[in-house]
C-alpha atoms as a PDB file:
ATOM      1  CA  MET A   1    -168.055 123.235 150.542  1.00  0.00           C
ATOM      2  CA  THR A   2    -169.214 119.995 149.007  1.00  0.00           C
ATOM      3  CA  ILE A   3    -170.060 116.468 149.974  1.00  0.00           C
ATOM      4  CA  THR A   4    -168.009 114.135 147.819  1.00  0.00           C
ATOM      5  CA  GLU A   5    -169.652 111.399 145.787  1.00  0.00           C
ATOM      6  CA  GLN A   6    -167.888 108.782 147.886  1.00  0.00           C
ATOM      7  CA  VAL A   7    -169.421 110.178 151.077  1.00  0.00           C
ATOM      8  CA  VAL A   8    -172.869 110.182 149.441  1.00  0.00           C
ATOM      9  CA  LYS A   9    -172.342 106.549 148.454  1.00  0.00           C
ATOM     10  CA  ASN A  10    -171.238 105.651 151.978  1.00  0.00           C
ATOM     11  CA  ILE A  11    -174.294 107.364 153.471  1.00  0.00           C
ATOM     12  CA  ILE A  12    -176.636 105.455 151.145  1.00  0.00           C
ATOM     13  CA  LYS A  13    -174.885 102.156 151.959  1.00  0.00           C
ATOM     14  CA  ARG A  14    -175.398 102.773 155.667  1.00  0.00           C
ATOM     15  CA  LEU A  15    -179.032 103.705 155.162  1.00  0.00           C
ATOM     16  CA  LEU A  16    -179.658 100.516 153.178  1.00  0.00           C
ATOM     17  CA  ARG A  17    -178.091  98.497 155.986  1.00  0.00           C
ATOM     18  CA  GLY A  18    -180.236 100.281 158.568  1.00  0.00           C
ATOM     19  CA  GLU A  19    -177.189 101.884 160.140  1.00  0.00           C
ATOM     20  CA  ASP A  20    -176.643 105.421 161.365  1.00  0.00           C
ATOM     21  CA  TYR A  21    -175.137 107.530 158.589  1.00  0.00           C
ATOM     22  CA  ARG A  22    -173.963 110.463 160.714  1.00  0.00           C
ATOM     23  CA  ILE A  23    -170.437 109.163 161.230  1.00  0.00           C
ATOM     24  CA  GLU A  24    -169.829 109.755 157.511  1.00  0.00           C
ATOM     25  CA  VAL A  25    -170.674 113.455 157.852  1.00  0.00           C
ATOM     26  CA  VAL A  26    -168.638 113.762 161.059  1.00  0.00           C
ATOM     27  CA  THR A  27    -165.645 112.142 159.354  1.00  0.00           C
ATOM     28  CA  LEU A  28    -165.914 114.604 156.465  1.00  0.00           C
ATOM     29  CA  ILE A  29    -166.174 117.558 158.858  1.00  0.00           C
ATOM     30  CA  ASN A  30    -163.057 116.346 160.679  1.00  0.00           C
ATOM     31  CA  ALA A  31    -161.108 115.885 157.447  1.00  0.00           C
ATOM     32  CA  GLU A  32    -162.003 119.305 156.044  1.00  0.00           C
ATOM     33  CA  PHE A  33    -161.399 121.063 159.358  1.00  0.00           C
ATOM     34  CA  LEU A  34    -158.014 119.448 159.960  1.00  0.00           C
ATOM     35  CA  GLN A  35    -156.900 120.296 156.426  1.00  0.00           C
ATOM     36  CA  PHE A  36    -158.015 123.897 156.991  1.00  0.00           C
ATOM     37  CA  ALA A  37    -156.135 124.022 160.301  1.00  0.00           C
ATOM     38  CA  VAL A  38    -152.893 122.745 158.750  1.00  0.00           C
ATOM     39  CA  ASP A  39    -153.110 125.203 155.840  1.00  0.00           C
ATOM     40  CA  PHE A  40    -154.018 128.015 158.245  1.00  0.00           C
ATOM     41  CA  PHE A  41    -151.007 127.308 160.460  1.00  0.00           C
ATOM     42  CA  LYS A  42    -148.717 127.337 157.404  1.00  0.00           C
ATOM     43  CA  ARG A  43    -150.073 130.760 156.424  1.00  0.00           C
ATOM     44  CA  ILE A  44    -149.570 132.021 159.981  1.00  0.00           C
ATOM     45  CA  VAL A  45    -145.900 131.046 159.930  1.00  0.00           C
ATOM     46  CA  ASP A  46    -145.406 132.803 156.603  1.00  0.00           C
ATOM     47  CA  ALA A  47    -147.333 135.929 157.685  1.00  0.00           C
ATOM     48  CA  LYS A  48    -145.609 136.228 161.055  1.00  0.00           C
ATOM     49  CA  LEU A  49    -142.170 135.890 159.520  1.00  0.00           C
ATOM     50  CA  LYS A  50    -142.950 138.666 157.020  1.00  0.00           C
ATOM     51  CA  SER A  51    -144.064 141.014 159.796  1.00  0.00           C
ATOM     52  CA  GLN A  52    -141.469 143.665 160.664  1.00  0.00           C
ATOM     53  CA  HIS A  53    -143.292 144.687 163.810  1.00  0.00           C
ATOM     54  CA  ILE A  54    -144.186 141.974 166.260  1.00  0.00           C
ATOM     55  CA  THR A  55    -147.714 143.193 167.036  1.00  0.00           C
ATOM     56  CA  VAL A  56    -151.137 141.767 166.379  1.00  0.00           C
ATOM     57  CA  ASP A  57    -151.355 144.081 163.351  1.00  0.00           C
ATOM     58  CA  TRP A  58    -149.583 141.432 161.292  1.00  0.00           C
ATOM     59  CA  TYR A  59    -152.676 139.239 161.567  1.00  0.00           C
ATOM     60  CA  LYS A  60    -155.090 141.959 160.482  1.00  0.00           C
ATOM     61  CA  LYS A  61    -152.857 142.990 157.600  1.00  0.00           C
ATOM     62  CA  GLU A  62    -152.379 139.466 156.257  1.00  0.00           C
ATOM     63  CA  PHE A  63    -155.654 137.754 157.110  1.00  0.00           C
ATOM     64  CA  LEU A  64    -158.130 140.592 156.633  1.00  0.00           C
ATOM     65  CA  SER A  65    -156.554 141.841 153.438  1.00  0.00           C
ATOM     66  CA  PRO A  66    -159.116 143.099 150.888  1.00  0.00           C
ATOM     67  CA  GLU A  67    -157.319 140.987 148.302  1.00  0.00           C
ATOM     68  CA  LEU A  68    -158.564 137.781 149.968  1.00  0.00           C
ATOM     69  CA  PRO A  69    -161.919 136.188 149.084  1.00  0.00           C
ATOM     70  CA  ALA A  70    -164.800 137.629 151.129  1.00  0.00           C
ATOM     71  CA  LYS A  71    -165.513 134.247 152.719  1.00  0.00           C
ATOM     72  CA  ASP A  72    -161.929 133.960 154.000  1.00  0.00           C
ATOM     73  CA  ILE A  73    -161.904 137.515 155.353  1.00  0.00           C
ATOM     74  CA  ALA A  74    -165.061 136.840 157.363  1.00  0.00           C
ATOM     75  CA  ILE A  75    -163.760 133.578 158.830  1.00  0.00           C
ATOM     76  CA  ASN A  76    -160.398 135.106 159.712  1.00  0.00           C
ATOM     77  CA  ALA A  77    -162.209 137.882 161.568  1.00  0.00           C
ATOM     78  CA  GLY A  78    -164.246 135.376 163.557  1.00  0.00           C
ATOM     79  CA  LEU A  79    -167.441 135.629 161.486  1.00  0.00           C
ATOM     80  CA  ASN A  80    -168.968 133.892 158.491  1.00  0.00           C
ATOM     81  CA  ARG A  81    -170.776 135.285 155.463  1.00  0.00           C
ATOM     82  CA  LYS A  82    -174.108 133.816 156.490  1.00  0.00           C
ATOM     83  CA  THR A  83    -173.996 135.696 159.796  1.00  0.00           C
ATOM     84  CA  ILE A  84    -173.006 138.906 158.024  1.00  0.00           C
ATOM     85  CA  HIS A  85    -175.853 138.484 155.545  1.00  0.00           C
ATOM     86  CA  ASN A  86    -178.314 138.020 158.409  1.00  0.00           C
ATOM     87  CA  MET A  87    -176.970 141.162 160.080  1.00  0.00           C
ATOM     88  CA  PHE A  88    -176.946 143.459 157.034  1.00  0.00           C
ATOM     89  CA  ASN A  89    -179.296 141.718 154.571  1.00  0.00           C
ATOM     90  CA  SER A  90    -176.347 141.610 152.202  1.00  0.00           C
ATOM     91  CA  SER A  91    -172.993 139.895 151.928  1.00  0.00           C
ATOM     92  CA  THR A  92    -171.244 141.843 149.186  1.00  0.00           C
ATOM     93  CA  LYS A  93    -167.486 141.976 149.544  1.00  0.00           C
ATOM     94  CA  GLU A  94    -167.578 145.616 150.652  1.00  0.00           C
ATOM     95  CA  ILE A  95    -170.004 144.834 153.463  1.00  0.00           C
ATOM     96  CA  VAL A  96    -168.026 141.722 154.438  1.00  0.00           C
ATOM     97  CA  ILE A  97    -164.816 143.755 154.664  1.00  0.00           C
ATOM     98  CA  ASP A  98    -166.392 146.505 156.777  1.00  0.00           C
ATOM     99  CA  ALA A  99    -168.190 144.068 159.080  1.00  0.00           C
ATOM    100  CA  SER A 100    -165.096 141.872 159.455  1.00  0.00           C
ATOM    101  CA  ASN A 101    -162.796 144.767 160.340  1.00  0.00           C
ATOM    102  CA  GLU A 102    -165.276 146.150 162.856  1.00  0.00           C
ATOM    103  CA  HIS A 103    -165.785 142.734 164.445  1.00  0.00           C
ATOM    104  CA  TYR A 104    -162.052 142.008 164.528  1.00  0.00           C
ATOM    105  CA  ASP A 105    -161.320 145.289 166.314  1.00  0.00           C
ATOM    106  CA  SER A 106    -164.030 144.507 168.851  1.00  0.00           C
ATOM    107  CA  LEU A 107    -162.715 140.958 169.287  1.00  0.00           C
ATOM    108  CA  TYR A 108    -159.173 142.176 169.804  1.00  0.00           C
ATOM    109  CA  GLU A 109    -160.299 144.657 172.475  1.00  0.00           C
ATOM    110  CA  THR A 110    -162.230 141.894 174.231  1.00  0.00           C
ATOM    111  CA  ILE A 111    -159.180 139.630 174.195  1.00  0.00           C
ATOM    112  CA  LYS A 112    -156.925 142.464 175.332  1.00  0.00           C
ATOM    113  CA  ASN A 113    -159.180 143.198 178.310  1.00  0.00           C
ATOM    114  CA  LEU A 114    -159.375 139.492 179.131  1.00  0.00           C
ATOM    115  CA  VAL A 115    -155.586 139.147 179.078  1.00  0.00           C
ATOM    116  CA  GLU A 116    -155.175 142.179 181.324  1.00  0.00           C
ATOM    117  CA  THR A 117    -157.739 140.790 183.750  1.00  0.00           C
ATOM    118  CA  GLU A 118    -156.329 137.285 183.703  1.00  0.00           C
ATOM    119  CA  HIS A 119    -152.747 138.493 184.048  1.00  0.00           C
ATOM    120  CA  GLU A 120    -151.647 135.206 185.609  1.00  0.00           C
ATOM    121  CA  LEU A 121    -152.569 133.333 182.437  1.00  0.00           C
ATOM    122  CA  ASP A 122    -149.560 132.401 180.331  1.00  0.00           C
ATOM    123  CA  LEU A 123    -150.386 130.926 176.948  1.00  0.00           C
ATOM    124  CA  ALA A 124    -147.953 130.642 174.068  1.00  0.00           C
ATOM    125  CA  LEU A 125    -148.579 128.834 170.805  1.00  0.00           C
ATOM    126  CA  THR A 126    -145.520 127.698 168.871  1.00  0.00           C
ATOM    127  CA  ILE A 127    -145.885 126.638 165.252  1.00  0.00           C
ATOM    128  CA  LYS A 128    -143.024 124.924 163.460  1.00  0.00           C
ATOM    129  CA  PHE A 129    -142.916 124.317 159.723  1.00  0.00           C
ATOM    130  CA  LYS A 130    -139.934 123.171 157.625  1.00  0.00           C
ATOM    131  CA  GLY A 131    -137.528 123.885 160.451  1.00  0.00           C
ATOM    132  CA  VAL A 132    -138.838 127.396 161.018  1.00  0.00           C
ATOM    133  CA  SER A 133    -140.859 128.246 164.106  1.00  0.00           C
ATOM    134  CA  VAL A 134    -142.869 131.248 165.270  1.00  0.00           C
ATOM    135  CA  ASP A 135    -144.197 131.976 168.737  1.00  0.00           C
ATOM    136  CA  LEU A 136    -147.602 133.548 169.288  1.00  0.00           C
ATOM    137  CA  ASN A 137    -148.370 135.393 172.509  1.00  0.00           C
ATOM    138  CA  VAL A 138    -151.566 134.886 174.476  1.00  0.00           C
ATOM    139  CA  SER A 139    -153.579 137.478 172.502  1.00  0.00           C
ATOM    140  CA  GLU A 140    -152.467 136.122 169.145  1.00  0.00           C
ATOM    141  CA  SER A 141    -153.106 132.553 170.269  1.00  0.00           C
ATOM    142  CA  LEU A 142    -156.657 133.376 171.366  1.00  0.00           C
ATOM    143  CA  ILE A 143    -157.388 135.031 168.024  1.00  0.00           C
ATOM    144  CA  ILE A 144    -156.159 131.922 166.202  1.00  0.00           C
ATOM    145  CA  ILE A 145    -158.189 129.621 168.449  1.00  0.00           C
ATOM    146  CA  ASN A 146    -161.305 131.728 167.865  1.00  0.00           C
ATOM    147  CA  THR A 147    -160.826 131.598 164.089  1.00  0.00           C
ATOM    148  CA  LEU A 148    -160.490 127.816 164.177  1.00  0.00           C
ATOM    149  CA  ALA A 149    -163.641 127.544 166.298  1.00  0.00           C
ATOM    150  CA  VAL A 150    -165.615 129.678 163.830  1.00  0.00           C
ATOM    151  CA  LYS A 151    -164.368 127.647 160.876  1.00  0.00           C
ATOM    152  CA  ARG A 152    -165.324 124.400 162.590  1.00  0.00           C
ATOM    153  CA  ALA A 153    -168.820 125.747 163.270  1.00  0.00           C
ATOM    154  CA  GLU A 154    -169.186 126.890 159.671  1.00  0.00           C
ATOM    155  CA  LEU A 155    -168.133 123.507 158.313  1.00  0.00           C
ATOM    156  CA  ARG A 156    -170.425 121.688 160.716  1.00  0.00           C
ATOM    157  CA  GLY A 157    -173.474 123.767 159.863  1.00  0.00           C
ATOM    158  CA  GLY A 158    -172.862 123.735 156.141  1.00  0.00           C
ATOM    159  CA  LEU A 159    -172.112 120.038 155.775  1.00  0.00           C
ATOM    160  CA  TRP A 160    -175.018 118.871 157.933  1.00  0.00           C
ATOM    161  CA  SER A 161    -177.344 121.138 155.966  1.00  0.00           C
ATOM    162  CA  THR A 162    -175.995 119.880 152.661  1.00  0.00           C
ATOM    163  CA  ALA A 163    -175.829 116.171 153.529  1.00  0.00           C
ATOM    164  CA  GLY A 164    -179.532 115.386 153.397  1.00  0.00           C
ATOM    165  CA  LYS A 165    -180.127 117.392 150.240  1.00  0.00           C
ATOM    166  CA  ARG A 166    -177.243 115.791 148.353  1.00  0.00           C
ATOM    167  CA  VAL A 167    -178.394 112.273 149.277  1.00  0.00           C
ATOM    168  CA  GLU A 168    -182.117 112.643 148.410  1.00  0.00           C
ATOM    169  CA  LYS A 169    -181.963 112.104 144.656  1.00  0.00           C
ATOM    170  CA  PRO A 170    -179.363 109.260 144.510  1.00  0.00           C
ATOM    171  CA  LEU A 171    -181.066 107.484 147.436  1.00  0.00           C
ATOM    172  CA  MET A 172    -184.433 107.413 145.655  1.00  0.00           C
ATOM    173  CA  GLN A 173    -182.779 106.426 142.374  1.00  0.00           C
ATOM    174  CA  THR A 174    -180.976 103.600 144.157  1.00  0.00           C
ATOM    175  CA  LEU A 175    -184.210 102.319 145.722  1.00  0.00           C
ATOM    176  CA  CYS A 176    -185.981 102.359 142.357  1.00  0.00           C
ATOM    177  CA  LYS A 177    -183.145 100.613 140.568  1.00  0.00           C
ATOM    178  CA  LEU A 178    -182.796  97.989 143.304  1.00  0.00           C
ATOM    179  CA  TYR A 179    -186.418  97.019 142.606  1.00  0.00           C
ATOM    180  CA  ASP A 180    -186.064  97.367 138.826  1.00  0.00           C
ATOM    181  CA  VAL A 181    -188.669 100.096 138.597  1.00  0.00           C
ATOM    182  CA  PRO A 182    -188.902 101.053 134.890  1.00  0.00           C
ATOM    183  CA  ASP A 183    -187.324 104.382 134.025  1.00  0.00           C
ATOM    184  CA  ASN A 184    -190.661 105.850 132.931  1.00  0.00           C
ATOM    185  CA  ASN A 185    -192.163 105.121 136.351  1.00  0.00           C
ATOM    186  CA  TYR A 186    -190.030 107.608 138.261  1.00  0.00           C
ATOM    187  CA  ALA A 187    -188.778 111.094 137.557  1.00  0.00           C
ATOM    188  CA  VAL A 188    -186.657 113.830 139.071  1.00  0.00           C
ATOM    189  CA  LYS A 189    -187.751 117.441 138.845  1.00  0.00           C
ATOM    190  CA  ILE A 190    -185.286 120.124 139.855  1.00  0.00           C
ATOM    191  CA  LYS A 191    -186.759 123.422 140.923  1.00  0.00           C
ATOM    192  CA  GLY A 192    -185.142 126.791 141.518  1.00  0.00           C
ATOM    193  CA  ARG A 193    -181.741 128.079 140.559  1.00  0.00           C
ATOM    194  CA  VAL A 194    -178.253 127.465 141.859  1.00  0.00           C
ATOM    195  CA  VAL A 195    -177.322 129.942 144.594  1.00  0.00           C
ATOM    196  CA  GLU A 196    -173.578 130.498 144.759  1.00  0.00           C
ATOM    197  CA  ASP A 197    -171.725 130.446 148.060  1.00  0.00           C
ATOM    198  CA  ALA A 198    -174.784 129.097 149.845  1.00  0.00           C
ATOM    199  CA  ASP A 199    -174.772 126.138 152.191  1.00  0.00           C
ATOM    200  CA  PHE A 200    -177.494 124.282 150.325  1.00  0.00           C
ATOM    201  CA  GLU A 201    -178.046 122.672 146.946  1.00  0.00           C
ATOM    202  CA  ARG A 202    -180.969 122.829 144.555  1.00  0.00           C
ATOM    203  CA  GLU A 203    -184.290 121.582 145.824  1.00  0.00           C
ATOM    204  CA  VAL A 204    -184.924 118.150 144.347  1.00  0.00           C
ATOM    205  CA  ASP A 205    -188.408 116.688 144.034  1.00  0.00           C
ATOM    206  CA  PHE A 206    -188.620 112.989 143.219  1.00  0.00           C
ATOM    207  CA  TYR A 207    -191.741 111.426 141.725  1.00  0.00           C
ATOM    208  CA  LEU A 208    -193.042 107.923 141.364  1.00  0.00           C
ATOM    209  CA  VAL A 209    -195.201 107.727 138.246  1.00  0.00           C
ATOM    210  CA  GLU A 210    -198.177 105.462 137.551  1.00  0.00           C
ATOM    211  CA  GLY A 211    -200.132 106.365 134.435  1.00  0.00           C
ATOM    212  CA  ASN A 212    -201.214 109.975 134.811  1.00  0.00           C
ATOM    213  CA  ASN A 213    -200.446 109.946 138.535  1.00  0.00           C
ATOM    214  CA  GLN A 214    -197.251 111.622 139.712  1.00  0.00           C
ATOM    215  CA  TYR A 215    -196.605 110.862 143.370  1.00  0.00           C
ATOM    216  CA  LYS A 216    -194.192 113.288 144.991  1.00  0.00           C
ATOM    217  CA  CYS A 217    -191.626 111.703 147.319  1.00  0.00           C
ATOM    218  CA  GLU A 218    -190.162 113.526 150.323  1.00  0.00           C
ATOM    219  CA  VAL A 219    -186.850 112.464 151.893  1.00  0.00           C
ATOM    220  CA  LYS A 220    -185.823 113.628 155.366  1.00  0.00           C
ATOM    221  CA  LEU A 221    -182.720 112.291 157.096  1.00  0.00           C
ATOM    222  CA  MET A 222    -183.759 113.459 160.542  1.00  0.00           C
ATOM    223  CA  GLY A 223    -183.800 112.273 164.119  1.00  0.00           C
ATOM    224  CA  ARG A 224    -186.667 110.402 165.694  1.00  0.00           C
ATOM    225  CA  GLY A 225    -189.769 112.367 166.612  1.00  0.00           C
ATOM    226  CA  ASN A 226    -189.070 115.450 164.506  1.00  0.00           C
ATOM    227  CA  PRO A 227    -192.388 117.333 164.736  1.00  0.00           C
ATOM    228  CA  GLU A 228    -191.873 118.947 161.337  1.00  0.00           C
ATOM    229  CA  SER A 229    -192.256 115.676 159.427  1.00  0.00           C
ATOM    230  CA  ALA A 230    -196.012 115.798 158.876  1.00  0.00           C
ATOM    231  CA  ASP A 231    -195.856 119.559 158.301  1.00  0.00           C
ATOM    232  CA  ALA A 232    -193.332 119.054 155.503  1.00  0.00           C
ATOM    233  CA  VAL A 233    -195.534 116.426 153.863  1.00  0.00           C
ATOM    234  CA  ILE A 234    -198.598 118.693 154.052  1.00  0.00           C
ATOM    235  CA  ALA A 235    -196.710 121.705 152.730  1.00  0.00           C
ATOM    236  CA  ARG A 236    -195.274 119.813 149.768  1.00  0.00           C
ATOM    237  CA  ASP A 237    -198.327 117.641 149.099  1.00  0.00           C
ATOM    238  CA  SER A 238    -196.155 114.518 149.184  1.00  0.00           C
ATOM    239  CA  LYS A 239    -197.495 111.002 148.747  1.00  0.00           C
ATOM    240  CA  VAL A 240    -194.356 109.137 149.862  1.00  0.00           C
ATOM    241  CA  PHE A 241    -192.198 109.967 152.862  1.00  0.00           C
ATOM    242  CA  VAL A 242    -188.760 108.361 153.302  1.00  0.00           C
ATOM    243  CA  ALA A 243    -187.005 109.056 156.594  1.00  0.00           C
ATOM    244  CA  ASP A 244    -184.056 107.894 158.644  1.00  0.00           C
ATOM    245  CA  LYS A 245    -186.191 107.580 161.777  1.00  0.00           C
ATOM    246  CA  LEU A 246    -189.882 108.076 162.551  1.00  0.00           C
ATOM    247  CA  SER A 247    -191.607 108.151 165.913  1.00  0.00           C
ATOM    248  CA  GLU A 248    -194.893 106.347 166.468  1.00  0.00           C
ATOM    249  CA  THR A 249    -196.558 109.764 166.449  1.00  0.00           C
ATOM    250  CA  ASN A 250    -194.974 110.510 163.077  1.00  0.00           C
ATOM    251  CA  LYS A 251    -196.267 107.241 161.683  1.00  0.00           C
ATOM    252  CA  ARG A 252    -199.807 107.866 162.929  1.00  0.00           C
ATOM    253  CA  GLN A 253    -199.720 111.346 161.418  1.00  0.00           C
ATOM    254  CA  LEU A 254    -198.588 109.997 158.070  1.00  0.00           C
ATOM    255  CA  ASP A 255    -201.134 107.169 158.143  1.00  0.00           C
ATOM    256  CA  SER A 256    -203.913 109.657 158.864  1.00  0.00           C
ATOM    257  CA  LEU A 257    -202.787 111.685 155.848  1.00  0.00           C
ATOM    258  CA  ARG A 258    -202.723 108.504 153.738  1.00  0.00           C
ATOM    259  CA  VAL A 259    -199.071 109.039 153.018  1.00  0.00           C
ATOM    260  CA  GLU A 260    -196.890 106.027 152.272  1.00  0.00           C
ATOM    261  CA  TRP A 261    -193.776 105.978 154.440  1.00  0.00           C
ATOM    262  CA  VAL A 262    -190.449 104.194 154.731  1.00  0.00           C
ATOM    263  CA  GLU A 263    -188.377 104.226 157.912  1.00  0.00           C
ATOM    264  CA  LEU A 264    -184.842 103.227 157.045  1.00  0.00           C
ATOM    265  CA  ARG A 265    -183.662 102.570 160.629  1.00  0.00           C
ATOM    266  CA  ARG A 266    -186.066  99.728 161.478  1.00  0.00           C
ATOM    267  CA  ASP A 267    -186.490  95.998 160.888  1.00  0.00           C
ATOM    268  CA  GLY A 268    -186.732  95.543 157.144  1.00  0.00           C
ATOM    269  CA  GLY A 269    -185.765  99.173 156.699  1.00  0.00           C
ATOM    270  CA  PHE A 270    -185.641 100.180 153.062  1.00  0.00           C
ATOM    271  CA  GLN A 271    -187.411  96.955 152.010  1.00  0.00           C
ATOM    272  CA  GLN A 272    -190.664  98.612 153.035  1.00  0.00           C
ATOM    273  CA  PHE A 273    -190.253 100.506 149.769  1.00  0.00           C
ATOM    274  CA  GLU A 274    -191.633  97.416 148.014  1.00  0.00           C
ATOM    275  CA  THR A 275    -194.877  97.817 149.953  1.00  0.00           C
ATOM    276  CA  VAL A 276    -195.028 101.440 148.842  1.00  0.00           C
ATOM    277  CA  LEU A 277    -194.577 100.375 145.223  1.00  0.00           C
ATOM    278  CA  ASN A 278    -197.312  97.770 145.564  1.00  0.00           C
ATOM    279  CA  ASN A 279    -199.751 100.202 147.186  1.00  0.00           C
ATOM    280  CA  LEU A 280    -199.168 102.793 144.465  1.00  0.00           C
ATOM    281  CA  LYS A 281    -199.327 100.137 141.737  1.00  0.00           C
ATOM    282  CA  ILE A 282    -195.858 101.005 140.480  1.00  0.00           C
ATOM    283  CA  PRO A 283    -194.457  98.134 138.352  1.00  0.00           C
ATOM    284  CA  HIS A 284    -191.271  96.653 139.777  1.00  0.00           C
ATOM    285  CA  GLY A 285    -189.229  93.507 140.214  1.00  0.00           C
ATOM    286  CA  LYS A 286    -188.023  91.621 143.271  1.00  0.00           C
ATOM    287  CA  LEU A 287    -185.137  92.713 145.451  1.00  0.00           C
ATOM    288  CA  PRO A 288    -182.056  90.595 144.644  1.00  0.00           C
ATOM    289  CA  GLN A 289    -180.587  88.564 147.493  1.00  0.00           C
ATOM    290  CA  ASN A 290    -177.204  90.249 147.072  1.00  0.00           C
ATOM    291  CA  PHE A 291    -178.484  93.815 146.945  1.00  0.00           C
ATOM    292  CA  ASP A 292    -175.098  95.140 148.137  1.00  0.00           C
ATOM    293  CA  LYS A 293    -173.509  93.934 144.904  1.00  0.00           C
ATOM    294  CA  LYS A 294    -176.305  95.404 142.812  1.00  0.00           C
ATOM    295  CA  SER A 295    -176.075  98.732 144.627  1.00  0.00           C
ATOM    296  CA  GLU A 296    -172.424  99.030 143.546  1.00  0.00           C
ATOM    297  CA  ILE A 297    -173.504  98.604 139.922  1.00  0.00           C
ATOM    298  CA  ILE A 298    -176.225 101.201 140.460  1.00  0.00           C
ATOM    299  CA  PHE A 299    -173.736 103.686 141.926  1.00  0.00           C
ATOM    300  CA  LYS A 300    -171.648 103.437 138.753  1.00  0.00           C
ATOM    301  CA  GLU A 301    -174.746 104.369 136.748  1.00  0.00           C
ATOM    302  CA  ILE A 302    -175.970 107.322 138.803  1.00  0.00           C
ATOM    303  CA  PHE A 303    -172.563 108.788 139.731  1.00  0.00           C
ATOM    304  CA  ARG A 304    -170.962 108.637 136.299  1.00  0.00           C
END
């Protein structure tokens, strides 16, 4: 699960224009989900046609097979690895397989009871691919719908969580380069290790540097009035806070902490960064009139 460089660029462009960036993440979620759905339907056609016995067992055999990746097994059973890890404090493949099979059996019983109760409900899902079609009964259709819902939720949670973290570093680099801040007056420090199969990236700390002073910069692409803003600054001992939106309370909190801040979704938006540079005595140039054109040049440098 990744956020492509193009999406990161688009998010930064919107932030520089003072626009809402969320449509970029939503568009990516839609694209990845629809591609998953199409591929999933193709696999269903193939699996159902291979089944000699027209029972729901074909789904369990094909989509909960131990030969599949653990992440796929969990999703196909109506779970995700993060949930399983929270439940068992582990997400090894063995635990994922056991948890997925147990959950699937429980889900199937729930659906079976629902179908028996709602006996007047008639639902049939027909999937056609390359001239071949398969029909799914109400129980099978509900299992498929549930799997799609879980996958959509997983994509949504993962991509929203990843979006802000993937944009932090290139956004701050772009701001510095737009104002021609010398390379030795800002720095990126990456802490921690890469965690595989997680829905987050490395923690990135960005610093503005003036002499022996290293001013940590915090970036939060959050909604207005998030009460955690000042807490995050205090916890990380940040000197600069860059946010999508800030409430008046947020601003007063930051001012009281003597923290420089930039609110991207306001009049002037990112151009307040020049005031931050002045206050911290960071050498810099003037913002070019055609900063959109310069930002494209910058993107080629930082995304190469």
